[in-house]
Amino acid sequence: MTLLSNCANCINHCCRRPLISEQEIQNIENKYNITLELSNNETQHLTKIYKNRIKGPICQLLGEHGCILNYEDKPVICKIYPWIPYQFVPPAWELLLDVTRCDKASQDWTLTYLTVKKEFNKIIDLDPAWQL
């Protein structure tokens, strides 16, 4: 998978209580030998896939120089942020741009959308949890 660099000027604005799936929790805890502190996903958004959030005001996986995870191990939400998956008419997924936490949202978001959408489609095609 290609590294999507939407946030070259920012390290942690999106890293606040990210959504995480059960499979992502298991993969991260096993590979990195850590135990994540979790809280419930209190929103109604994506609850069939994401029942948990990483607890804390800032993500526990955030280190001094950004996320401690290798790109391929990051939760889907982290890989595609500031794009948020949404189902207006199931089973099709769309991506909504969330720049509410972005201080430097000056990129070509149209080009970024096309790149992120292509990568997101690859992810959901391979993961049965997204086949709602």
N, C-alpha and C. Protein backbone atom coordinates (compact mmCIF):
# COMPACT_ATOMS: atom_id res chain seq x y z
N MET A 1 0.84 -1.18 0.00
CA MET A 1 0.00 0.00 0.00
C MET A 1 0.88 1.24 0.00
N THR A 2 0.43 2.25 -0.65
CA THR A 2 1.17 3.50 -0.75
C THR A 2 0.96 4.33 0.50
N LEU A 3 2.01 5.00 0.93
CA LEU A 3 1.89 5.91 2.06
C LEU A 3 1.19 7.17 1.59
N LEU A 4 0.05 7.45 2.17
CA LEU A 4 -0.69 8.66 1.83
C LEU A 4 -0.27 9.75 2.78
N SER A 5 0.34 10.78 2.27
CA SER A 5 0.86 11.83 3.12
C SER A 5 -0.02 13.07 3.02
N ASN A 6 -1.15 13.02 3.69
CA ASN A 6 -2.06 14.15 3.68
C ASN A 6 -1.63 15.24 4.64
N CYS A 7 -0.83 14.87 5.60
CA CYS A 7 -0.61 15.75 6.74
C CYS A 7 0.86 16.01 7.00
N ALA A 8 1.58 16.42 6.00
CA ALA A 8 3.01 16.62 6.13
C ALA A 8 3.36 17.69 7.16
N ASN A 9 2.47 18.65 7.36
CA ASN A 9 2.75 19.75 8.28
C ASN A 9 2.18 19.54 9.68
N CYS A 10 1.63 18.36 9.93
CA CYS A 10 0.95 18.12 11.20
C CYS A 10 1.28 16.72 11.69
N ILE A 11 1.43 16.59 12.99
CA ILE A 11 1.68 15.25 13.53
C ILE A 11 0.47 14.73 14.30
N ASN A 12 -0.20 15.54 15.08
CA ASN A 12 -1.15 14.94 16.01
C ASN A 12 -2.55 15.51 16.06
N HIS A 13 -2.95 16.34 15.17
CA HIS A 13 -4.28 16.91 15.30
C HIS A 13 -5.39 15.88 15.11
N CYS A 14 -5.15 14.87 14.28
CA CYS A 14 -6.16 13.85 14.07
C CYS A 14 -6.03 12.69 15.04
N CYS A 15 -4.95 12.64 15.78
CA CYS A 15 -4.64 11.49 16.64
C CYS A 15 -5.34 11.62 17.99
N ARG A 16 -6.60 11.91 17.96
CA ARG A 16 -7.38 12.06 19.19
C ARG A 16 -8.48 11.02 19.20
N ARG A 17 -8.26 10.01 20.02
CA ARG A 17 -9.26 8.95 20.21
C ARG A 17 -9.71 8.33 18.89
N PRO A 18 -8.77 7.83 18.07
CA PRO A 18 -9.17 7.26 16.79
C PRO A 18 -9.99 5.98 16.95
N LEU A 19 -10.90 5.76 16.02
CA LEU A 19 -11.67 4.52 15.97
C LEU A 19 -10.75 3.37 15.60
N ILE A 20 -11.03 2.19 16.17
CA ILE A 20 -10.19 1.03 15.90
C ILE A 20 -11.05 -0.23 15.95
N SER A 21 -10.85 -1.14 15.00
CA SER A 21 -11.64 -2.37 14.95
C SER A 21 -11.01 -3.45 15.83
N GLU A 22 -11.78 -4.49 16.10
CA GLU A 22 -11.28 -5.61 16.92
C GLU A 22 -10.06 -6.24 16.24
N GLN A 23 -10.12 -6.42 14.94
CA GLN A 23 -9.00 -7.02 14.21
C GLN A 23 -7.76 -6.13 14.29
N GLU A 24 -7.95 -4.83 14.16
CA GLU A 24 -6.82 -3.90 14.25
C GLU A 24 -6.21 -3.92 15.65
N ILE A 25 -7.04 -4.01 16.68
CA ILE A 25 -6.56 -4.09 18.06
C ILE A 25 -5.69 -5.33 18.23
N GLN A 26 -6.19 -6.48 17.80
CA GLN A 26 -5.44 -7.73 17.93
C GLN A 26 -4.11 -7.66 17.18
N ASN A 27 -4.15 -7.16 15.96
CA ASN A 27 -2.93 -7.08 15.16
C ASN A 27 -1.87 -6.20 15.82
N ILE A 28 -2.29 -5.04 16.29
CA ILE A 28 -1.35 -4.10 16.90
C ILE A 28 -0.81 -4.65 18.22
N GLU A 29 -1.71 -5.15 19.07
CA GLU A 29 -1.26 -5.66 20.37
C GLU A 29 -0.31 -6.84 20.21
N ASN A 30 -0.60 -7.72 19.28
CA ASN A 30 0.26 -8.89 19.07
C ASN A 30 1.60 -8.51 18.46
N LYS A 31 1.59 -7.69 17.42
CA LYS A 31 2.82 -7.36 16.72
C LYS A 31 3.74 -6.47 17.55
N TYR A 32 3.16 -5.53 18.30
CA TYR A 32 3.97 -4.55 19.04
C TYR A 32 4.08 -4.89 20.53
N ASN A 33 3.46 -6.00 20.95
CA ASN A 33 3.52 -6.46 22.33
C ASN A 33 3.11 -5.35 23.31
N ILE A 34 1.98 -4.74 23.02
CA ILE A 34 1.43 -3.69 23.88
C ILE A 34 -0.03 -3.99 24.17
N THR A 35 -0.58 -3.34 25.17
CA THR A 35 -2.01 -3.43 25.46
C THR A 35 -2.59 -2.03 25.32
N LEU A 36 -3.55 -1.90 24.43
CA LEU A 36 -4.17 -0.60 24.20
C LEU A 36 -5.25 -0.34 25.23
N GLU A 37 -5.32 0.88 25.71
CA GLU A 37 -6.44 1.30 26.56
C GLU A 37 -7.53 1.78 25.62
N LEU A 38 -8.74 1.23 25.81
CA LEU A 38 -9.83 1.51 24.88
C LEU A 38 -11.03 2.11 25.58
N SER A 39 -11.83 2.83 24.81
CA SER A 39 -13.14 3.29 25.28
C SER A 39 -14.14 2.94 24.19
N ASN A 40 -15.41 3.03 24.51
CA ASN A 40 -16.45 2.69 23.54
C ASN A 40 -16.59 3.78 22.49
N ASN A 41 -16.99 3.37 21.28
CA ASN A 41 -17.34 4.31 20.23
C ASN A 41 -18.75 4.82 20.55
N GLU A 42 -18.82 6.01 21.08
CA GLU A 42 -20.11 6.55 21.53
C GLU A 42 -20.92 7.18 20.39
N THR A 43 -20.34 7.27 19.22
CA THR A 43 -21.07 7.84 18.09
C THR A 43 -21.90 6.75 17.41
N GLN A 44 -22.74 7.13 16.53
CA GLN A 44 -23.52 6.17 15.75
C GLN A 44 -22.83 5.84 14.43
N HIS A 45 -21.68 6.45 14.21
CA HIS A 45 -20.99 6.31 12.94
C HIS A 45 -20.06 5.10 12.94
N LEU A 46 -20.18 4.25 11.96
CA LEU A 46 -19.30 3.10 11.76
C LEU A 46 -19.30 2.11 12.91
N THR A 47 -20.39 2.00 13.65
CA THR A 47 -20.40 1.14 14.84
C THR A 47 -20.37 -0.35 14.51
N LYS A 48 -20.74 -0.75 13.31
CA LYS A 48 -20.65 -2.17 12.97
C LYS A 48 -19.21 -2.61 12.79
N ILE A 49 -18.35 -1.70 12.41
CA ILE A 49 -16.93 -2.01 12.22
C ILE A 49 -16.12 -1.59 13.43
N TYR A 50 -16.41 -0.40 13.93
CA TYR A 50 -15.63 0.17 15.02
C TYR A 50 -16.44 0.26 16.30
N LYS A 51 -16.18 -0.63 17.22
CA LYS A 51 -16.87 -0.61 18.51
C LYS A 51 -16.03 0.11 19.56
N ASN A 52 -14.78 0.40 19.22
CA ASN A 52 -13.86 0.99 20.19
C ASN A 52 -13.13 2.20 19.63
N ARG A 53 -12.63 2.99 20.57
CA ARG A 53 -11.72 4.09 20.28
C ARG A 53 -10.49 3.88 21.15
N ILE A 54 -9.36 4.38 20.70
CA ILE A 54 -8.18 4.36 21.56
C ILE A 54 -8.37 5.46 22.59
N LYS A 55 -8.24 5.10 23.85
CA LYS A 55 -8.56 6.00 24.96
C LYS A 55 -7.51 7.09 25.13
N GLY A 56 -7.97 8.21 25.66
CA GLY A 56 -7.07 9.30 26.00
C GLY A 56 -7.32 10.52 25.13
N PRO A 57 -6.88 11.64 25.59
CA PRO A 57 -7.04 12.83 24.76
C PRO A 57 -6.17 12.76 23.50
N ILE A 58 -5.01 12.10 23.60
CA ILE A 58 -4.11 11.89 22.47
C ILE A 58 -3.88 10.39 22.34
N CYS A 59 -3.80 9.89 21.13
CA CYS A 59 -3.61 8.46 20.88
C CYS A 59 -2.36 7.93 21.57
N GLN A 60 -2.49 6.77 22.21
CA GLN A 60 -1.36 6.14 22.89
C GLN A 60 -0.25 5.72 21.93
N LEU A 61 -0.57 5.63 20.65
CA LEU A 61 0.41 5.19 19.65
C LEU A 61 1.21 6.34 19.07
N LEU A 62 0.96 7.53 19.58
CA LEU A 62 1.66 8.71 19.08
C LEU A 62 2.95 8.90 19.87
N GLY A 63 4.06 8.91 19.17
CA GLY A 63 5.36 9.14 19.78
C GLY A 63 5.83 10.56 19.48
N GLU A 64 7.04 10.84 19.84
CA GLU A 64 7.61 12.17 19.66
C GLU A 64 7.65 12.60 18.19
N HIS A 65 7.84 11.63 17.30
CA HIS A 65 7.98 11.93 15.88
C HIS A 65 6.80 11.42 15.06
N GLY A 66 5.66 11.22 15.68
CA GLY A 66 4.47 10.73 14.99
C GLY A 66 4.09 9.34 15.48
N CYS A 67 3.29 8.67 14.70
CA CYS A 67 2.79 7.35 15.08
C CYS A 67 3.93 6.34 15.15
N ILE A 68 3.89 5.50 16.19
CA ILE A 68 4.94 4.50 16.37
C ILE A 68 4.73 3.28 15.48
N LEU A 69 3.55 3.16 14.87
CA LEU A 69 3.25 2.00 14.04
C LEU A 69 3.82 2.16 12.64
N ASN A 70 4.20 1.03 12.04
CA ASN A 70 4.51 1.04 10.62
C ASN A 70 3.23 1.35 9.87
N TYR A 71 3.36 1.97 8.73
CA TYR A 71 2.18 2.40 7.98
C TYR A 71 1.19 1.25 7.75
N GLU A 72 1.68 0.09 7.35
CA GLU A 72 0.79 -1.03 7.04
C GLU A 72 0.03 -1.54 8.26
N ASP A 73 0.48 -1.21 9.48
CA ASP A 73 -0.17 -1.66 10.70
C ASP A 73 -1.17 -0.66 11.26
N LYS A 74 -1.21 0.53 10.71
CA LYS A 74 -2.11 1.56 11.23
C LYS A 74 -3.57 1.20 10.97
N PRO A 75 -4.47 1.61 11.87
CA PRO A 75 -5.90 1.43 11.60
C PRO A 75 -6.28 2.16 10.31
N VAL A 76 -7.29 1.63 9.64
CA VAL A 76 -7.75 2.22 8.37
C VAL A 76 -8.06 3.71 8.56
N ILE A 77 -8.74 4.05 9.64
CA ILE A 77 -9.11 5.44 9.89
C ILE A 77 -7.88 6.35 9.88
N CYS A 78 -6.79 5.87 10.45
CA CYS A 78 -5.56 6.66 10.51
C CYS A 78 -4.90 6.79 9.14
N LYS A 79 -5.01 5.74 8.34
CA LYS A 79 -4.39 5.76 7.01
C LYS A 79 -5.07 6.77 6.09
N ILE A 80 -6.36 6.94 6.24
CA ILE A 80 -7.08 7.77 5.27
C ILE A 80 -7.46 9.15 5.81
N TYR A 81 -7.22 9.42 7.09
CA TYR A 81 -7.57 10.73 7.65
C TYR A 81 -6.87 11.84 6.88
N PRO A 82 -7.52 12.94 6.57
CA PRO A 82 -8.75 13.50 7.11
C PRO A 82 -10.03 13.07 6.39
N TRP A 83 -9.95 12.00 5.65
CA TRP A 83 -11.15 11.47 4.99
C TRP A 83 -11.82 10.47 5.92
N ILE A 84 -13.15 10.56 6.04
CA ILE A 84 -13.92 9.69 6.93
C ILE A 84 -14.88 8.87 6.07
N PRO A 85 -14.85 7.52 6.19
CA PRO A 85 -15.78 6.71 5.41
C PRO A 85 -17.22 6.89 5.89
N TYR A 86 -18.13 6.92 4.93
CA TYR A 86 -19.55 7.09 5.27
C TYR A 86 -20.39 6.37 4.24
N GLN A 87 -21.46 5.73 4.70
CA GLN A 87 -22.38 5.05 3.80
C GLN A 87 -23.68 5.84 3.71
N PHE A 88 -23.86 6.54 2.61
CA PHE A 88 -25.14 7.21 2.39
C PHE A 88 -26.17 6.20 1.93
N VAL A 89 -25.79 5.38 0.96
CA VAL A 89 -26.66 4.33 0.43
C VAL A 89 -25.85 3.03 0.40
N PRO A 90 -26.05 2.16 1.41
CA PRO A 90 -25.29 0.90 1.43
C PRO A 90 -25.57 0.09 0.17
N PRO A 91 -24.60 -0.66 -0.32
CA PRO A 91 -23.32 -0.97 0.29
C PRO A 91 -22.19 -0.03 -0.14
N ALA A 92 -22.47 1.01 -0.88
CA ALA A 92 -21.41 1.90 -1.40
C ALA A 92 -20.85 2.78 -0.28
N TRP A 93 -19.54 2.95 -0.29
CA TRP A 93 -18.86 3.81 0.66
C TRP A 93 -18.38 5.07 -0.03
N GLU A 94 -18.53 6.19 0.65
CA GLU A 94 -17.99 7.47 0.18
C GLU A 94 -17.04 7.98 1.26
N LEU A 95 -16.23 8.93 0.88
CA LEU A 95 -15.30 9.54 1.84
C LEU A 95 -15.65 11.01 2.00
N LEU A 96 -15.82 11.43 3.24
CA LEU A 96 -16.10 12.83 3.56
C LEU A 96 -14.84 13.47 4.12
N LEU A 97 -14.60 14.69 3.73
CA LEU A 97 -13.42 15.41 4.20
C LEU A 97 -13.72 16.06 5.55
N ASP A 98 -12.89 15.75 6.54
CA ASP A 98 -13.03 16.35 7.87
C ASP A 98 -11.78 17.17 8.16
N VAL A 99 -11.89 18.46 7.99
CA VAL A 99 -10.74 19.32 8.27
C VAL A 99 -10.97 20.15 9.52
N THR A 100 -11.88 19.70 10.38
CA THR A 100 -12.18 20.45 11.59
C THR A 100 -10.99 20.55 12.52
N ARG A 101 -10.04 19.62 12.42
CA ARG A 101 -8.86 19.64 13.27
C ARG A 101 -7.60 20.04 12.51
N CYS A 102 -7.76 20.39 11.24
CA CYS A 102 -6.58 20.70 10.41
C CYS A 102 -6.27 22.19 10.43
N ASP A 103 -5.06 22.51 10.85
CA ASP A 103 -4.61 23.90 10.83
C ASP A 103 -4.09 24.31 9.47
N LYS A 104 -3.57 23.37 8.72
CA LYS A 104 -2.89 23.69 7.48
C LYS A 104 -3.53 22.95 6.30
N ALA A 105 -4.82 23.11 6.14
CA ALA A 105 -5.55 22.43 5.08
C ALA A 105 -5.43 23.20 3.77
N SER A 106 -4.25 23.17 3.19
CA SER A 106 -4.01 23.95 1.98
C SER A 106 -3.60 23.07 0.81
N GLN A 107 -3.89 21.79 0.90
CA GLN A 107 -3.48 20.88 -0.15
C GLN A 107 -4.53 20.80 -1.26
N ASP A 108 -4.15 20.15 -2.34
CA ASP A 108 -5.09 19.90 -3.43
C ASP A 108 -5.96 18.71 -3.02
N TRP A 109 -7.06 18.98 -2.35
CA TRP A 109 -7.89 17.92 -1.79
C TRP A 109 -8.56 17.07 -2.86
N THR A 110 -8.77 17.60 -4.05
CA THR A 110 -9.37 16.81 -5.12
C THR A 110 -8.43 15.68 -5.52
N LEU A 111 -7.18 16.01 -5.74
CA LEU A 111 -6.19 15.00 -6.09
C LEU A 111 -6.01 14.02 -4.93
N THR A 112 -5.95 14.55 -3.72
CA THR A 112 -5.81 13.70 -2.55
C THR A 112 -7.01 12.76 -2.43
N TYR A 113 -8.22 13.26 -2.67
CA TYR A 113 -9.42 12.42 -2.59
C TYR A 113 -9.31 11.23 -3.54
N LEU A 114 -8.93 11.48 -4.76
CA LEU A 114 -8.84 10.39 -5.74
C LEU A 114 -7.82 9.34 -5.31
N THR A 115 -6.71 9.76 -4.77
CA THR A 115 -5.68 8.84 -4.29
C THR A 115 -6.18 8.05 -3.08
N VAL A 116 -6.77 8.75 -2.12
CA VAL A 116 -7.26 8.09 -0.91
C VAL A 116 -8.41 7.15 -1.24
N LYS A 117 -9.31 7.55 -2.10
CA LYS A 117 -10.45 6.71 -2.47
C LYS A 117 -9.96 5.41 -3.11
N LYS A 118 -8.96 5.50 -3.96
CA LYS A 118 -8.40 4.32 -4.61
C LYS A 118 -7.81 3.37 -3.56
N GLU A 119 -7.05 3.89 -2.62
CA GLU A 119 -6.45 3.08 -1.56
C GLU A 119 -7.52 2.52 -0.63
N PHE A 120 -8.51 3.34 -0.29
CA PHE A 120 -9.60 2.89 0.58
C PHE A 120 -10.36 1.74 -0.07
N ASN A 121 -10.63 1.84 -1.36
CA ASN A 121 -11.33 0.76 -2.06
C ASN A 121 -10.55 -0.54 -2.01
N LYS A 122 -9.22 -0.47 -2.10
CA LYS A 122 -8.39 -1.67 -1.97
C LYS A 122 -8.56 -2.28 -0.59
N ILE A 123 -8.57 -1.44 0.43
CA ILE A 123 -8.71 -1.91 1.81
C ILE A 123 -10.04 -2.61 2.02
N ILE A 124 -11.13 -1.97 1.62
CA ILE A 124 -12.44 -2.56 1.89
C ILE A 124 -12.72 -3.78 1.03
N ASP A 125 -12.10 -3.87 -0.13
CA ASP A 125 -12.26 -5.07 -0.96
C ASP A 125 -11.62 -6.29 -0.31
N LEU A 126 -10.58 -6.08 0.49
CA LEU A 126 -9.87 -7.19 1.12
C LEU A 126 -10.36 -7.53 2.52
N ASP A 127 -11.16 -6.67 3.12
CA ASP A 127 -11.59 -6.87 4.52
C ASP A 127 -13.09 -7.09 4.58
N PRO A 128 -13.54 -8.31 4.92
CA PRO A 128 -14.96 -8.60 4.96
C PRO A 128 -15.76 -7.76 5.97
N ALA A 129 -15.11 -7.18 6.96
CA ALA A 129 -15.81 -6.36 7.94
C ALA A 129 -16.46 -5.15 7.28
N TRP A 130 -15.89 -4.68 6.17
CA TRP A 130 -16.43 -3.52 5.47
C TRP A 130 -17.55 -3.87 4.50
N GLN A 131 -17.84 -5.13 4.32
CA GLN A 131 -18.88 -5.56 3.38
C GLN A 131 -20.23 -5.55 4.10
N LEU A 132 -20.76 -4.38 4.35
CA LEU A 132 -22.02 -4.24 5.09
C LEU A 132 -23.19 -4.17 4.14
